PDB file of N, CA and C in Angstrom:
ATOM      1  N   MET A   1      16.839  -7.228 -36.265  1.00  0.00           N
ATOM      2  CA  MET A   1      17.140  -6.883 -34.899  1.00  0.00           C
ATOM      3  C   MET A   1      16.127  -7.569 -33.994  1.00  0.00           C
ATOM      4  N   VAL A   2      16.611  -8.140 -32.896  1.00  0.00           N
ATOM      5  CA  VAL A   2      15.767  -8.830 -31.924  1.00  0.00           C
ATOM      6  C   VAL A   2      15.641  -7.950 -30.692  1.00  0.00           C
ATOM      7  N   GLN A   3      14.405  -7.730 -30.239  1.00  0.00           N
ATOM      8  CA  GLN A   3      14.179  -6.922 -29.049  1.00  0.00           C
ATOM      9  C   GLN A   3      13.934  -7.860 -27.864  1.00  0.00           C
ATOM     10  N   CYS A   4      14.659  -7.637 -26.767  1.00  0.00           N
ATOM     11  CA  CYS A   4      14.465  -8.440 -25.566  1.00  0.00           C
ATOM     12  C   CYS A   4      13.326  -7.852 -24.747  1.00  0.00           C
ATOM     13  N   LEU A   5      12.435  -8.708 -24.331  1.00  0.00           N
ATOM     14  CA  LEU A   5      11.335  -8.264 -23.484  1.00  0.00           C
ATOM     15  C   LEU A   5      11.816  -8.197 -22.043  1.00  0.00           C
ATOM     16  N   PRO A   6      11.351  -7.202 -21.263  1.00  0.00           N
ATOM     17  CA  PRO A   6      11.770  -7.135 -19.865  1.00  0.00           C
ATOM     18  C   PRO A   6      11.242  -8.346 -19.093  1.00  0.00           C
ATOM     19  N   LYS A   7      12.030  -8.814 -18.148  1.00  0.00           N
ATOM     20  CA  LYS A   7      11.645  -9.979 -17.352  1.00  0.00           C
ATOM     21  C   LYS A   7      10.522  -9.587 -16.397  1.00  0.00           C
ATOM     22  N   GLN A   8       9.470 -10.358 -16.401  1.00  0.00           N
ATOM     23  CA  GLN A   8       8.393 -10.178 -15.445  1.00  0.00           C
ATOM     24  C   GLN A   8       8.861 -10.745 -14.105  1.00  0.00           C
ATOM     25  N   ILE A   9       8.554 -10.052 -13.011  1.00  0.00           N
ATOM     26  CA  ILE A   9       8.945 -10.572 -11.707  1.00  0.00           C
ATOM     27  C   ILE A   9       7.703 -10.914 -10.891  1.00  0.00           C
ATOM     28  N   THR A  10       7.895 -11.756  -9.915  1.00  0.00           N
ATOM     29  CA  THR A  10       6.789 -12.168  -9.051  1.00  0.00           C
ATOM     30  C   THR A  10       6.634 -11.172  -7.913  1.00  0.00           C
ATOM     31  N   PHE A  11       5.539 -11.289  -7.210  1.00  0.00           N
ATOM     32  CA  PHE A  11       5.301 -10.430  -6.058  1.00  0.00           C
ATOM     33  C   PHE A  11       6.377 -10.663  -4.996  1.00  0.00           C
ATOM     34  N   ASP A  12       6.737 -11.925  -4.753  1.00  0.00           N
ATOM     35  CA  ASP A  12       7.775 -12.235  -3.765  1.00  0.00           C
ATOM     36  C   ASP A  12       9.109 -11.599  -4.147  1.00  0.00           C
ATOM     37  N   GLU A  13       9.467 -11.647  -5.417  1.00  0.00           N
ATOM     38  CA  GLU A  13      10.710 -11.015  -5.879  1.00  0.00           C
ATOM     39  C   GLU A  13      10.647  -9.496  -5.689  1.00  0.00           C
ATOM     40  N   PHE A  14       9.487  -8.918  -5.933  1.00  0.00           N
ATOM     41  CA  PHE A  14       9.305  -7.477  -5.754  1.00  0.00           C
ATOM     42  C   PHE A  14       9.521  -7.076  -4.293  1.00  0.00           C
ATOM     43  N   ILE A  15       8.910  -7.800  -3.369  1.00  0.00           N
ATOM     44  CA  ILE A  15       9.052  -7.473  -1.947  1.00  0.00           C
ATOM     45  C   ILE A  15      10.496  -7.646  -1.503  1.00  0.00           C
ATOM     46  N   ALA A  16      11.163  -8.688  -1.971  1.00  0.00           N
ATOM     47  CA  ALA A  16      12.578  -8.905  -1.622  1.00  0.00           C
ATOM     48  C   ALA A  16      13.459  -7.797  -2.201  1.00  0.00           C
ATOM     49  N   TRP A  17      13.121  -7.279  -3.376  1.00  0.00           N
ATOM     50  CA  TRP A  17      13.898  -6.243  -4.047  1.00  0.00           C
ATOM     51  C   TRP A  17      13.664  -4.859  -3.446  1.00  0.00           C
ATOM     52  N   TYR A  18      12.478  -4.601  -2.920  1.00  0.00           N
ATOM     53  CA  TYR A  18      12.062  -3.243  -2.531  1.00  0.00           C
ATOM     54  C   TYR A  18      13.087  -2.591  -1.603  1.00  0.00           C
ATOM     55  N   PRO A  19      13.627  -1.431  -2.006  1.00  0.00           N
ATOM     56  CA  PRO A  19      14.637  -0.752  -1.192  1.00  0.00           C
ATOM     57  C   PRO A  19      14.039  -0.246   0.128  1.00  0.00           C
ATOM     58  N   GLU A  20      14.719  -0.507   1.222  1.00  0.00           N
ATOM     59  CA  GLU A  20      14.180  -0.185   2.540  1.00  0.00           C
ATOM     60  C   GLU A  20      14.096   1.310   2.831  1.00  0.00           C
ATOM     61  N   HIS A  21      15.091   2.080   2.456  1.00  0.00           N
ATOM     62  CA  HIS A  21      15.106   3.513   2.780  1.00  0.00           C
ATOM     63  C   HIS A  21      15.148   4.361   1.510  1.00  0.00           C
ATOM     64  N   SER A  22      14.275   4.067   0.583  1.00  0.00           N
ATOM     65  CA  SER A  22      14.275   4.772  -0.697  1.00  0.00           C
ATOM     66  C   SER A  22      13.507   6.079  -0.605  1.00  0.00           C
ATOM     67  N   GLU A  23      13.922   7.060  -1.386  1.00  0.00           N
ATOM     68  CA  GLU A  23      13.169   8.310  -1.477  1.00  0.00           C
ATOM     69  C   GLU A  23      12.012   8.180  -2.470  1.00  0.00           C
ATOM     70  N   HIS A  24      11.892   7.040  -3.103  1.00  0.00           N
ATOM     71  CA  HIS A  24      10.831   6.793  -4.075  1.00  0.00           C
ATOM     72  C   HIS A  24       9.891   5.701  -3.577  1.00  0.00           C
ATOM     73  N   HIS A  25       8.686   5.719  -4.104  1.00  0.00           N
ATOM     74  CA  HIS A  25       7.730   4.635  -3.886  1.00  0.00           C
ATOM     75  C   HIS A  25       7.719   3.783  -5.151  1.00  0.00           C
ATOM     76  N   TYR A  26       7.501   2.494  -4.974  1.00  0.00           N
ATOM     77  CA  TYR A  26       7.432   1.590  -6.111  1.00  0.00           C
ATOM     78  C   TYR A  26       6.193   0.722  -5.990  1.00  0.00           C
ATOM     79  N   GLU A  27       5.666   0.345  -7.130  1.00  0.00           N
ATOM     80  CA  GLU A  27       4.554  -0.594  -7.184  1.00  0.00           C
ATOM     81  C   GLU A  27       4.874  -1.645  -8.226  1.00  0.00           C
ATOM     82  N   LEU A  28       4.222  -2.773  -8.102  1.00  0.00           N
ATOM     83  CA  LEU A  28       4.384  -3.856  -9.071  1.00  0.00           C
ATOM     84  C   LEU A  28       3.087  -3.950  -9.857  1.00  0.00           C
ATOM     85  N   HIS A  29       3.148  -3.623 -11.138  1.00  0.00           N
ATOM     86  CA  HIS A  29       1.970  -3.666 -12.007  1.00  0.00           C
ATOM     87  C   HIS A  29       2.129  -4.812 -12.996  1.00  0.00           C
ATOM     88  N   ASN A  30       1.381  -5.882 -12.767  1.00  0.00           N
ATOM     89  CA  ASN A  30       1.411  -7.040 -13.671  1.00  0.00           C
ATOM     90  C   ASN A  30       2.829  -7.516 -13.967  1.00  0.00           C
ATOM     91  N   GLY A  31       3.648  -7.641 -12.929  1.00  0.00           N
ATOM     92  CA  GLY A  31       4.995  -8.175 -13.086  1.00  0.00           C
ATOM     93  C   GLY A  31       6.069  -7.158 -13.405  1.00  0.00           C
ATOM     94  N   GLU A  32       5.718  -5.878 -13.557  1.00  0.00           N
ATOM     95  CA  GLU A  32       6.706  -4.838 -13.864  1.00  0.00           C
ATOM     96  C   GLU A  32       6.779  -3.827 -12.732  1.00  0.00           C
ATOM     97  N   ILE A  33       8.000  -3.491 -12.308  1.00  0.00           N
ATOM     98  CA  ILE A  33       8.196  -2.489 -11.258  1.00  0.00           C
ATOM     99  C   ILE A  33       7.996  -1.109 -11.859  1.00  0.00           C
ATOM    100  N   VAL A  34       7.169  -0.305 -11.182  1.00  0.00           N
ATOM    101  CA  VAL A  34       6.868   1.056 -11.628  1.00  0.00           C
ATOM    102  C   VAL A  34       7.237   2.012 -10.502  1.00  0.00           C
ATOM    103  N   GLN A  35       8.107   3.003 -10.813  1.00  0.00           N
ATOM    104  CA  GLN A  35       8.438   4.031  -9.827  1.00  0.00           C
ATOM    105  C   GLN A  35       7.296   5.031  -9.790  1.00  0.00           C
ATOM    106  N   MET A  36       6.767   5.268  -8.605  1.00  0.00           N
ATOM    107  CA  MET A  36       5.625   6.161  -8.445  1.00  0.00           C
ATOM    108  C   MET A  36       6.097   7.498  -7.882  1.00  0.00           C
ATOM    109  N   PRO A  37       5.518   8.593  -8.355  1.00  0.00           N
ATOM    110  CA  PRO A  37       5.897   9.885  -7.790  1.00  0.00           C
ATOM    111  C   PRO A  37       5.373  10.010  -6.360  1.00  0.00           C
ATOM    112  N   LYS A  38       6.158  10.667  -5.523  1.00  0.00           N
ATOM    113  CA  LYS A  38       5.685  10.925  -4.167  1.00  0.00           C
ATOM    114  C   LYS A  38       4.576  11.964  -4.235  1.00  0.00           C
ATOM    115  N   PRO A  39       3.606  11.872  -3.336  1.00  0.00           N
ATOM    116  CA  PRO A  39       2.513  12.839  -3.357  1.00  0.00           C
ATOM    117  C   PRO A  39       3.024  14.245  -3.050  1.00  0.00           C
ATOM    118  N   LEU A  40       2.430  15.215  -3.685  1.00  0.00           N
ATOM    119  CA  LEU A  40       2.802  16.608  -3.504  1.00  0.00           C
ATOM    120  C   LEU A  40       1.626  17.401  -2.926  1.00  0.00           C
ATOM    121  N   GLY A  41       1.909  18.558  -2.398  1.00  0.00           N
ATOM    122  CA  GLY A  41       0.955  19.547  -1.938  1.00  0.00           C
ATOM    123  C   GLY A  41      -0.471  19.120  -1.683  1.00  0.00           C
ATOM    124  N   LYS A  42      -1.339  19.454  -2.631  1.00  0.00           N
ATOM    125  CA  LYS A  42      -2.768  19.232  -2.452  1.00  0.00           C
ATOM    126  C   LYS A  42      -3.092  17.746  -2.258  1.00  0.00           C
ATOM    127  N   HIS A  43      -2.401  16.878  -2.984  1.00  0.00           N
ATOM    128  CA  HIS A  43      -2.601  15.432  -2.851  1.00  0.00           C
ATOM    129  C   HIS A  43      -2.351  15.001  -1.403  1.00  0.00           C
ATOM    130  N   SER A  44      -1.243  15.455  -0.818  1.00  0.00           N
ATOM    131  CA  SER A  44      -0.913  15.127   0.569  1.00  0.00           C
ATOM    132  C   SER A  44      -1.913  15.742   1.527  1.00  0.00           C
ATOM    133  N   ASP A  45      -2.350  16.948   1.237  1.00  0.00           N
ATOM    134  CA  ASP A  45      -3.335  17.637   2.086  1.00  0.00           C
ATOM    135  C   ASP A  45      -4.639  16.843   2.138  1.00  0.00           C
ATOM    136  N   VAL A  46      -5.123  16.418   0.980  1.00  0.00           N
ATOM    137  CA  VAL A  46      -6.376  15.653   0.914  1.00  0.00           C
ATOM    138  C   VAL A  46      -6.213  14.314   1.636  1.00  0.00           C
ATOM    139  N   GLY A  47      -5.139  13.606   1.359  1.00  0.00           N
ATOM    140  CA  GLY A  47      -4.900  12.316   2.016  1.00  0.00           C
ATOM    141  C   GLY A  47      -4.782  12.462   3.525  1.00  0.00           C
ATOM    142  N   GLY A  48      -4.082  13.484   3.987  1.00  0.00           N
ATOM    143  CA  GLY A  48      -3.940  13.728   5.419  1.00  0.00           C
ATOM    144  C   GLY A  48      -5.264  14.052   6.078  1.00  0.00           C
ATOM    145  N   TYR A  49      -6.075  14.851   5.407  1.00  0.00           N
ATOM    146  CA  TYR A  49      -7.393  15.204   5.950  1.00  0.00           C
ATOM    147  C   TYR A  49      -8.283  13.961   6.081  1.00  0.00           C
ATOM    148  N   ILE A  50      -8.299  13.134   5.045  1.00  0.00           N
ATOM    149  CA  ILE A  50      -9.113  11.914   5.090  1.00  0.00           C
ATOM    150  C   ILE A  50      -8.632  11.004   6.215  1.00  0.00           C
ATOM    151  N   ALA A  51      -7.324  10.838   6.365  1.00  0.00           N
ATOM    152  CA  ALA A  51      -6.779   9.986   7.425  1.00  0.00           C
ATOM    153  C   ALA A  51      -7.151  10.534   8.806  1.00  0.00           C
ATOM    154  N   LEU A  52      -7.059  11.847   8.966  1.00  0.00           N
ATOM    155  CA  LEU A  52      -7.420  12.468  10.240  1.00  0.00           C
ATOM    156  C   LEU A  52      -8.875  12.216  10.585  1.00  0.00           C
ATOM    157  N   ARG A  53      -9.758  12.493   9.632  1.00  0.00           N
ATOM    158  CA  ARG A  53     -11.196  12.332   9.893  1.00  0.00           C
ATOM    159  C   ARG A  53     -11.560  10.863  10.143  1.00  0.00           C
ATOM    160  N   LEU A  54     -11.011   9.960   9.350  1.00  0.00           N
ATOM    161  CA  LEU A  54     -11.279   8.539   9.571  1.00  0.00           C
ATOM    162  C   LEU A  54     -10.737   8.077  10.918  1.00  0.00           C
ATOM    163  N   GLY A  55      -9.543   8.520  11.256  1.00  0.00           N
ATOM    164  CA  GLY A  55      -8.957   8.166  12.547  1.00  0.00           C
ATOM    165  C   GLY A  55      -9.805   8.648  13.712  1.00  0.00           C
ATOM    166  N   MET A  56     -10.337   9.844  13.593  1.00  0.00           N
ATOM    167  CA  MET A  56     -11.204  10.383  14.643  1.00  0.00           C
ATOM    168  C   MET A  56     -12.477   9.539  14.789  1.00  0.00           C
ATOM    169  N   GLU A  57     -13.052   9.117  13.664  1.00  0.00           N
ATOM    170  CA  GLU A  57     -14.267   8.294  13.711  1.00  0.00           C
ATOM    171  C   GLU A  57     -13.981   6.894  14.250  1.00  0.00           C
ATOM    172  N   ILE A  58     -12.848   6.334  13.869  1.00  0.00           N
ATOM    173  CA  ILE A  58     -12.458   5.021  14.393  1.00  0.00           C
ATOM    174  C   ILE A  58     -12.338   5.105  15.915  1.00  0.00           C
ATOM    175  N   GLU A  59     -11.695   6.158  16.390  1.00  0.00           N
ATOM    176  CA  GLU A  59     -11.543   6.373  17.835  1.00  0.00           C
ATOM    177  C   GLU A  59     -12.891   6.606  18.508  1.00  0.00           C
ATOM    178  N   ARG A  60     -13.698   7.471  17.943  1.00  0.00           N
ATOM    179  CA  ARG A  60     -15.001   7.814  18.537  1.00  0.00           C
ATOM    180  C   ARG A  60     -15.905   6.593  18.640  1.00  0.00           C
ATOM    181  N   LEU A  61     -15.926   5.781  17.584  1.00  0.00           N
ATOM    182  CA  LEU A  61     -16.785   4.606  17.557  1.00  0.00           C
ATOM    183  C   LEU A  61     -16.142   3.371  18.211  1.00  0.00           C
ATOM    184  N   ARG A  62     -14.881   3.539  18.619  1.00  0.00           N
ATOM    185  CA  ARG A  62     -14.121   2.468  19.272  1.00  0.00           C
ATOM    186  C   ARG A  62     -14.049   1.200  18.428  1.00  0.00           C
ATOM    187  N   HIS A  63     -13.859   1.407  17.133  1.00  0.00           N
ATOM    188  CA  HIS A  63     -13.684   0.259  16.239  1.00  0.00           C
ATOM    189  C   HIS A  63     -12.275  -0.314  16.431  1.00  0.00           C
ATOM    190  N   PRO A  64     -12.102  -1.604  16.269  1.00  0.00           N
ATOM    191  CA  PRO A  64     -10.775  -2.219  16.420  1.00  0.00           C
ATOM    192  C   PRO A  64      -9.965  -2.128  15.121  1.00  0.00           C
ATOM    193  N   TYR A  65      -9.806  -0.905  14.616  1.00  0.00           N
ATOM    194  CA  TYR A  65      -9.109  -0.653  13.364  1.00  0.00           C
ATOM    195  C   TYR A  65      -7.935   0.277  13.615  1.00  0.00           C
ATOM    196  N   PHE A  66      -7.017   0.325  12.657  1.00  0.00           N
ATOM    197  CA  PHE A  66      -5.931   1.297  12.698  1.00  0.00           C
ATOM    198  C   PHE A  66      -5.541   1.669  11.276  1.00  0.00           C
ATOM    199  N   ILE A  67      -4.851   2.800  11.163  1.00  0.00           N
ATOM    200  CA  ILE A  67      -4.394   3.313   9.865  1.00  0.00           C
ATOM    201  C   ILE A  67      -2.868   3.328   9.899  1.00  0.00           C
ATOM    202  N   PRO A  68      -2.205   2.392   9.199  1.00  0.00           N
ATOM    203  CA  PRO A  68      -0.740   2.385   9.206  1.00  0.00           C
ATOM    204  C   PRO A  68      -0.186   3.537   8.364  1.00  0.00           C
ATOM    205  N   ARG A  69       1.028   3.902   8.652  1.00  0.00           N
ATOM    206  CA  ARG A  69       1.679   4.981   7.899  1.00  0.00           C
ATOM    207  C   ARG A  69       1.866   4.594   6.436  1.00  0.00           C
ATOM    208  N   GLU A  70       2.239   3.332   6.206  1.00  0.00           N
ATOM    209  CA  GLU A  70       2.395   2.842   4.831  1.00  0.00           C
ATOM    210  C   GLU A  70       2.359   1.328   4.819  1.00  0.00           C
ATOM    211  N   CYS A  71       2.038   0.767   3.685  1.00  0.00           N
ATOM    212  CA  CYS A  71       2.058  -0.678   3.504  1.00  0.00           C
ATOM    213  C   CYS A  71       1.905  -0.989   2.016  1.00  0.00           C
ATOM    214  N   VAL A  72       2.158  -2.233   1.684  1.00  0.00           N
ATOM    215  CA  VAL A  72       1.962  -2.725   0.320  1.00  0.00           C
ATOM    216  C   VAL A  72       0.791  -3.696   0.360  1.00  0.00           C
ATOM    217  N   VAL A  73      -0.111  -3.569  -0.609  1.00  0.00           N
ATOM    218  CA  VAL A  73      -1.264  -4.451  -0.700  1.00  0.00           C
ATOM    219  C   VAL A  73      -1.072  -5.341  -1.917  1.00  0.00           C
ATOM    220  N   LYS A  74      -1.154  -6.658  -1.695  1.00  0.00           N
ATOM    221  CA  LYS A  74      -1.026  -7.608  -2.799  1.00  0.00           C
ATOM    222  C   LYS A  74      -2.391  -7.825  -3.429  1.00  0.00           C
ATOM    223  N   VAL A  75      -2.449  -7.637  -4.741  1.00  0.00           N
ATOM    224  CA  VAL A  75      -3.658  -7.912  -5.524  1.00  0.00           C
ATOM    225  C   VAL A  75      -3.215  -8.814  -6.666  1.00  0.00           C
ATOM    226  N   GLU A  76      -3.580 -10.087  -6.572  1.00  0.00           N
ATOM    227  CA  GLU A  76      -3.102 -11.109  -7.501  1.00  0.00           C
ATOM    228  C   GLU A  76      -1.577 -11.093  -7.486  1.00  0.00           C
ATOM    229  N   GLU A  77      -0.898 -10.832  -8.603  1.00  0.00           N
ATOM    230  CA  GLU A  77       0.567 -10.763  -8.607  1.00  0.00           C
ATOM    231  C   GLU A  77       1.069  -9.328  -8.720  1.00  0.00           C
ATOM    232  N   SER A  78       0.240  -8.366  -8.369  1.00  0.00           N
ATOM    233  CA  SER A  78       0.645  -6.964  -8.351  1.00  0.00           C
ATOM    234  C   SER A  78       0.707  -6.478  -6.907  1.00  0.00           C
ATOM    235  N   GLY A  79       1.432  -5.398  -6.678  1.00  0.00           N
ATOM    236  CA  GLY A  79       1.548  -4.813  -5.348  1.00  0.00           C
ATOM    237  C   GLY A  79       1.402  -3.307  -5.422  1.00  0.00           C
ATOM    238  N   TYR A  80       0.549  -2.752  -4.578  1.00  0.00           N
ATOM    239  CA  TYR A  80       0.251  -1.323  -4.605  1.00  0.00           C
ATOM    240  C   TYR A  80       0.459  -0.710  -3.228  1.00  0.00           C
ATOM    241  N   GLU A  81       0.875   0.559  -3.208  1.00  0.00           N
ATOM    242  CA  GLU A  81       0.971   1.327  -1.977  1.00  0.00           C
ATOM    243  C   GLU A  81      -0.162   2.348  -1.999  1.00  0.00           C
ATOM    244  N   PRO A  82      -1.265   2.051  -1.328  1.00  0.00           N
ATOM    245  CA  PRO A  82      -2.385   2.993  -1.358  1.00  0.00           C
ATOM    246  C   PRO A  82      -2.069   4.252  -0.557  1.00  0.00           C
ATOM    247  N   ASP A  83      -2.786   5.328  -0.857  1.00  0.00           N
ATOM    248  CA  ASP A  83      -2.617   6.560  -0.088  1.00  0.00           C
ATOM    249  C   ASP A  83      -3.039   6.352   1.361  1.00  0.00           C
ATOM    250  N   MET A  84      -4.033   5.497   1.560  1.00  0.00           N
ATOM    251  CA  MET A  84      -4.476   5.199   2.910  1.00  0.00           C
ATOM    252  C   MET A  84      -5.155   3.838   2.933  1.00  0.00           C
ATOM    253  N   ILE A  85      -5.001   3.168   4.072  1.00  0.00           N
ATOM    254  CA  ILE A  85      -5.658   1.883   4.262  1.00  0.00           C
ATOM    255  C   ILE A  85      -6.067   1.774   5.723  1.00  0.00           C
ATOM    256  N   VAL A  86      -7.243   1.238   5.943  1.00  0.00           N
ATOM    257  CA  VAL A  86      -7.729   0.973   7.290  1.00  0.00           C
ATOM    258  C   VAL A  86      -7.681  -0.540   7.474  1.00  0.00           C
ATOM    259  N   LEU A  87      -6.981  -0.973   8.534  1.00  0.00           N
ATOM    260  CA  LEU A  87      -6.796  -2.401   8.788  1.00  0.00           C
ATOM    261  C   LEU A  87      -7.483  -2.815  10.085  1.00  0.00           C
ATOM    262  N   GLY A  88      -7.954  -4.051  10.112  1.00  0.00           N
ATOM    263  CA  GLY A  88      -8.585  -4.591  11.313  1.00  0.00           C
ATOM    264  C   GLY A  88      -7.561  -5.218  12.235  1.00  0.00           C
ATOM    265  N   ARG A  89      -7.585  -4.816  13.502  1.00  0.00           N
ATOM    266  CA  ARG A  89      -6.624  -5.366  14.472  1.00  0.00           C
ATOM    267  C   ARG A  89      -6.818  -6.865  14.687  1.00  0.00           C
ATOM    268  N   SER A  90      -8.045  -7.336  14.617  1.00  0.00           N
ATOM    269  CA  SER A  90      -8.293  -8.756  14.883  1.00  0.00           C
ATOM    270  C   SER A  90      -7.900  -9.650  13.713  1.00  0.00           C
ATOM    271  N   THR A  91      -7.891  -9.129  12.500  1.00  0.00           N
ATOM    272  CA  THR A  91      -7.574  -9.960  11.333  1.00  0.00           C
ATOM    273  C   THR A  91      -6.132  -9.799  10.862  1.00  0.00           C
ATOM    274  N   ILE A  92      -5.478  -8.718  11.239  1.00  0.00           N
ATOM    275  CA  ILE A  92      -4.128  -8.460  10.728  1.00  0.00           C
ATOM    276  C   ILE A  92      -3.117  -9.488  11.234  1.00  0.00           C
ATOM    277  N   GLN A  93      -3.345 -10.033  12.415  1.00  0.00           N
ATOM    278  CA  GLN A  93      -2.412 -11.015  12.977  1.00  0.00           C
ATOM    279  C   GLN A  93      -2.349 -12.287  12.131  1.00  0.00           C
ATOM    280  N   ALA A  94      -3.419 -12.585  11.410  1.00  0.00           N
ATOM    281  CA  ALA A  94      -3.444 -13.781  10.555  1.00  0.00           C
ATOM    282  C   ALA A  94      -2.816 -13.527   9.191  1.00  0.00           C
ATOM    283  N   ASP A  95      -2.489 -12.270   8.900  1.00  0.00           N
ATOM    284  CA  ASP A  95      -1.865 -11.947   7.617  1.00  0.00           C
ATOM    285  C   ASP A  95      -0.369 -12.204   7.761  1.00  0.00           C
ATOM    286  N   PRO A  96       0.167 -13.245   7.118  1.00  0.00           N
ATOM    287  CA  PRO A  96       1.521 -13.722   7.401  1.00  0.00           C
ATOM    288  C   PRO A  96       2.659 -12.754   7.090  1.00  0.00           C
ATOM    289  N   ARG A  97       2.438 -11.760   6.259  1.00  0.00           N
ATOM    290  CA  ARG A  97       3.545 -10.883   5.869  1.00  0.00           C
ATOM    291  C   ARG A  97       3.500  -9.524   6.560  1.00  0.00           C
ATOM    292  N   TRP A  98       2.493  -9.290   7.369  1.00  0.00           N
ATOM    293  CA  TRP A  98       2.331  -7.971   7.970  1.00  0.00           C
ATOM    294  C   TRP A  98       3.471  -7.630   8.931  1.00  0.00           C
ATOM    295  N   ALA A  99       3.758  -8.480   9.879  1.00  0.00           N
ATOM    296  CA  ALA A  99       4.708  -8.156  10.950  1.00  0.00           C
ATOM    297  C   ALA A  99       6.111  -7.828  10.437  1.00  0.00           C
ATOM    298  N   LYS A 100       6.583  -8.528   9.418  1.00  0.00           N
ATOM    299  CA  LYS A 100       7.961  -8.333   8.955  1.00  0.00           C
ATOM    300  C   LYS A 100       8.078  -7.494   7.688  1.00  0.00           C
ATOM    301  N   GLU A 101       6.988  -7.348   6.925  1.00  0.00           N
ATOM    302  CA  GLU A 101       7.095  -6.674   5.628  1.00  0.00           C
ATOM    303  C   GLU A 101       6.079  -5.559   5.420  1.00  0.00           C
ATOM    304  N   SER A 102       5.199  -5.314   6.397  1.00  0.00           N
ATOM    305  CA  SER A 102       4.116  -4.333   6.232  1.00  0.00           C
ATOM    306  C   SER A 102       3.362  -4.581   4.923  1.00  0.00           C
ATOM    307  N   THR A 103       3.097  -5.860   4.668  1.00  0.00           N
ATOM    308  CA  THR A 103       2.445  -6.270   3.430  1.00  0.00           C
ATOM    309  C   THR A 103       1.137  -6.975   3.748  1.00  0.00           C
ATOM    310  N   ILE A 104       0.090  -6.599   3.034  1.00  0.00           N
ATOM    311  CA  ILE A 104      -1.227  -7.195   3.206  1.00  0.00           C
ATOM    312  C   ILE A 104      -1.456  -8.174   2.058  1.00  0.00           C
ATOM    313  N   THR A 105      -1.726  -9.430   2.410  1.00  0.00           N
ATOM    314  CA  THR A 105      -1.987 -10.440   1.383  1.00  0.00           C
ATOM    315  C   THR A 105      -3.393 -11.017   1.486  1.00  0.00           C
ATOM    316  N   HIS A 106      -4.039 -10.830   2.614  1.00  0.00           N
ATOM    317  CA  HIS A 106      -5.401 -11.334   2.812  1.00  0.00           C
ATOM    318  C   HIS A 106      -6.382 -10.164   2.794  1.00  0.00           C
ATOM    319  N   CYS A 107      -7.368 -10.237   1.944  1.00  0.00           N
ATOM    320  CA  CYS A 107      -8.315  -9.126   1.817  1.00  0.00           C
ATOM    321  C   CYS A 107      -9.098  -8.890   3.104  1.00  0.00           C
ATOM    322  N   GLU A 108      -9.205  -9.886   3.979  1.00  0.00           N
ATOM    323  CA  GLU A 108      -9.931  -9.715   5.234  1.00  0.00           C
ATOM    324  C   GLU A 108      -9.278  -8.664   6.123  1.00  0.00           C
ATOM    325  N   SER A 109      -7.992  -8.449   5.965  1.00  0.00           N
ATOM    326  CA  SER A 109      -7.271  -7.483   6.794  1.00  0.00           C
ATOM    327  C   SER A 109      -7.661  -6.048   6.468  1.00  0.00           C
ATOM    328  N   ALA A 110      -7.927  -5.770   5.209  1.00  0.00           N
ATOM    329  CA  ALA A 110      -8.230  -4.396   4.772  1.00  0.00           C
ATOM    330  C   ALA A 110      -9.724  -4.108   4.907  1.00  0.00           C
ATOM    331  N   LYS A 111     -10.037  -3.108   5.698  1.00  0.00           N
ATOM    332  CA  LYS A 111     -11.431  -2.692   5.860  1.00  0.00           C
ATOM    333  C   LYS A 111     -11.774  -1.600   4.866  1.00  0.00           C
ATOM    334  N   LEU A 112     -10.779  -0.802   4.469  1.00  0.00           N
ATOM    335  CA  LEU A 112     -10.982   0.278   3.513  1.00  0.00           C
ATOM    336  C   LEU A 112      -9.642   0.625   2.886  1.00  0.00           C
ATOM    337  N   VAL A 113      -9.607   0.776   1.574  1.00  0.00           N
ATOM    338  CA  VAL A 113      -8.402   1.200   0.860  1.00  0.00           C
ATOM    339  C   VAL A 113      -8.761   2.447   0.069  1.00  0.00           C
ATOM    340  N   ILE A 114      -7.932   3.497   0.202  1.00  0.00           N
ATOM    341  CA  ILE A 114      -8.217   4.766  -0.473  1.00  0.00           C
ATOM    342  C   ILE A 114      -7.035   5.164  -1.331  1.00  0.00           C
ATOM    343  N   GLU A 115      -7.317   5.541  -2.550  1.00  0.00           N
ATOM    344  CA  GLU A 115      -6.330   6.089  -3.473  1.00  0.00           C
ATOM    345  C   GLU A 115      -6.807   7.473  -3.870  1.00  0.00           C
ATOM    346  N   VAL A 116      -6.024   8.491  -3.532  1.00  0.00           N
ATOM    347  CA  VAL A 116      -6.354   9.859  -3.905  1.00  0.00           C
ATOM    348  C   VAL A 116      -5.838  10.086  -5.317  1.00  0.00           C
ATOM    349  N   THR A 117      -6.698  10.522  -6.199  1.00  0.00           N
ATOM    350  CA  THR A 117      -6.255  10.785  -7.570  1.00  0.00           C
ATOM    351  C   THR A 117      -5.874  12.250  -7.723  1.00  0.00           C
ATOM    352  N   SER A 118      -4.865  12.489  -8.549  1.00  0.00           N
ATOM    353  CA  SER A 118      -4.419  13.858  -8.791  1.00  0.00           C
ATOM    354  C   SER A 118      -3.763  13.914 -10.162  1.00  0.00           C
ATOM    355  N   THR A 119      -3.341  15.095 -10.526  1.00  0.00           N
ATOM    356  CA  THR A 119      -2.765  15.279 -11.854  1.00  0.00           C
ATOM    357  C   THR A 119      -1.258  15.074 -11.874  1.00  0.00           C
ATOM    358  N   ASN A 120      -0.589  14.869 -10.727  1.00  0.00           N
ATOM    359  CA  ASN A 120       0.869  14.718 -10.741  1.00  0.00           C
ATOM    360  C   ASN A 120       1.286  13.306 -11.046  1.00  0.00           C
TER     361      ASN A 120
END
């Protein structure tokens, strides 16, 4: 018996495939699409609290940063949806995929990336 290996896809193929109004989140891990569980209860509470506090400090210090609701971050040929990301307003315009795909491809755009870990 011959087993077929799943086809590895590129980051560009992943972004083109990504469903626009899906109830699920997806990430690309080393060429394979992985369905990620949506955050629940405490995970969302912690992420929301961190975003609130960071947003307040960004405002207070008048930094030229913002926290988008969601985005995909390209790391080599993988793509991740972090729980939170702080982006620089002055550098995001040079990131070619931001305006149309909410995708970060240049590390200069990201000032801070946060992933909340949980048991779900």
